[in-house]
């Protein structure tokens, strides 16, 4: 595949989100959801938010790697 055909292609909007920012956004939203819908225990919402935030960061990194393999 010729790399010049992809030279003008812009990466998707989600590609530029830093992993730390993604983790913090997902952590906050999921922790609030767990706190209001499930448990009011601080350990439950904090640990649940961390697990979901890290999972989102891993999926984001995998998506970036897949994009890089296809387009670069």
Protein backbone atom coordinates (compact mmCIF):
# COMPACT_ATOMS: atom_id res chain seq x y z
CA UNK A 1 0.00 0.00 0.00
CA UNK A 2 1.29 3.41 -0.92
CA UNK A 3 1.75 5.64 2.13
CA UNK A 4 1.22 8.82 0.12
CA UNK A 5 -2.51 8.11 -0.30
CA UNK A 6 -2.94 8.37 3.47
CA UNK A 7 -0.81 11.47 3.91
CA UNK A 8 -3.75 13.88 3.76
CA UNK A 9 -6.06 11.75 5.93
CA UNK A 10 -6.90 13.25 9.32
CA UNK A 11 -7.05 10.89 12.29
CA UNK A 12 -10.47 10.44 13.94
CA UNK A 13 -11.54 12.86 16.68
CA UNK A 14 -10.94 10.34 19.46
CA UNK A 15 -7.33 9.71 18.38
CA UNK A 16 -6.03 12.91 19.97
CA UNK A 17 -7.54 12.39 23.44
CA UNK A 18 -4.74 11.79 25.95
CA UNK A 19 -5.09 8.50 27.86
CA UNK A 20 -5.02 10.28 31.22
CA UNK A 21 -7.87 12.59 30.21
CA UNK A 22 -9.90 9.63 28.95
CA UNK A 23 -9.27 7.75 32.19
CA UNK A 24 -10.32 10.71 34.33
CA UNK A 25 -13.50 11.37 32.32
CA UNK A 26 -14.61 7.73 32.40
CA UNK A 27 -13.60 7.41 36.06
CA UNK A 28 -15.69 10.41 37.09
CA UNK A 29 -18.78 9.39 35.14
CA UNK A 30 -18.70 5.76 36.22
CA UNK A 31 -17.98 6.64 39.86
CA UNK A 32 -20.94 9.02 39.94
CA UNK A 33 -23.13 6.36 38.33
CA UNK A 34 -22.06 3.68 40.82
CA UNK A 35 -22.53 6.10 43.73
CA UNK A 36 -26.04 7.17 42.75
CA UNK A 37 -27.40 3.88 41.39
CA UNK A 38 -25.65 1.19 43.35
CA UNK A 39 -23.60 1.70 46.42
CA UNK A 40 -22.85 4.71 48.56
CA UNK A 41 -19.65 3.08 49.79
CA UNK A 42 -16.57 5.09 48.90
CA UNK A 43 -14.54 1.95 48.24
CA UNK A 44 -17.15 0.62 45.80
CA UNK A 45 -17.39 3.72 43.62
CA UNK A 46 -13.67 4.47 43.75
CA UNK A 47 -12.56 0.95 42.81
CA UNK A 48 -15.33 0.56 40.24
CA UNK A 49 -14.37 3.85 38.64
CA UNK A 50 -10.71 2.86 38.50
CA UNK A 51 -11.45 -0.50 36.90
CA UNK A 52 -13.80 0.95 34.29
CA UNK A 53 -11.45 3.89 33.61
CA UNK A 54 -8.45 1.62 33.08
CA UNK A 55 -10.49 -0.65 30.82
CA UNK A 56 -11.50 2.38 28.73
CA UNK A 57 -7.85 3.48 28.49
CA UNK A 58 -6.81 0.00 27.32
CA UNK A 59 -9.55 -0.08 24.67
CA UNK A 60 -8.57 3.43 23.53
CA UNK A 61 -4.92 2.38 23.19
CA UNK A 62 -5.90 -0.72 21.26
CA UNK A 63 -8.03 1.37 18.91
CA UNK A 64 -5.13 3.77 18.33
CA UNK A 65 -2.78 0.86 17.60
CA UNK A 66 -5.24 -0.66 15.15
CA UNK A 67 -5.66 2.70 13.42
CA UNK A 68 -1.89 3.08 13.18
CA UNK A 69 -1.51 -0.38 11.66
CA UNK A 70 -4.15 0.35 9.02
CA UNK A 71 -3.20 3.91 8.09
CA UNK A 72 0.47 4.49 8.71
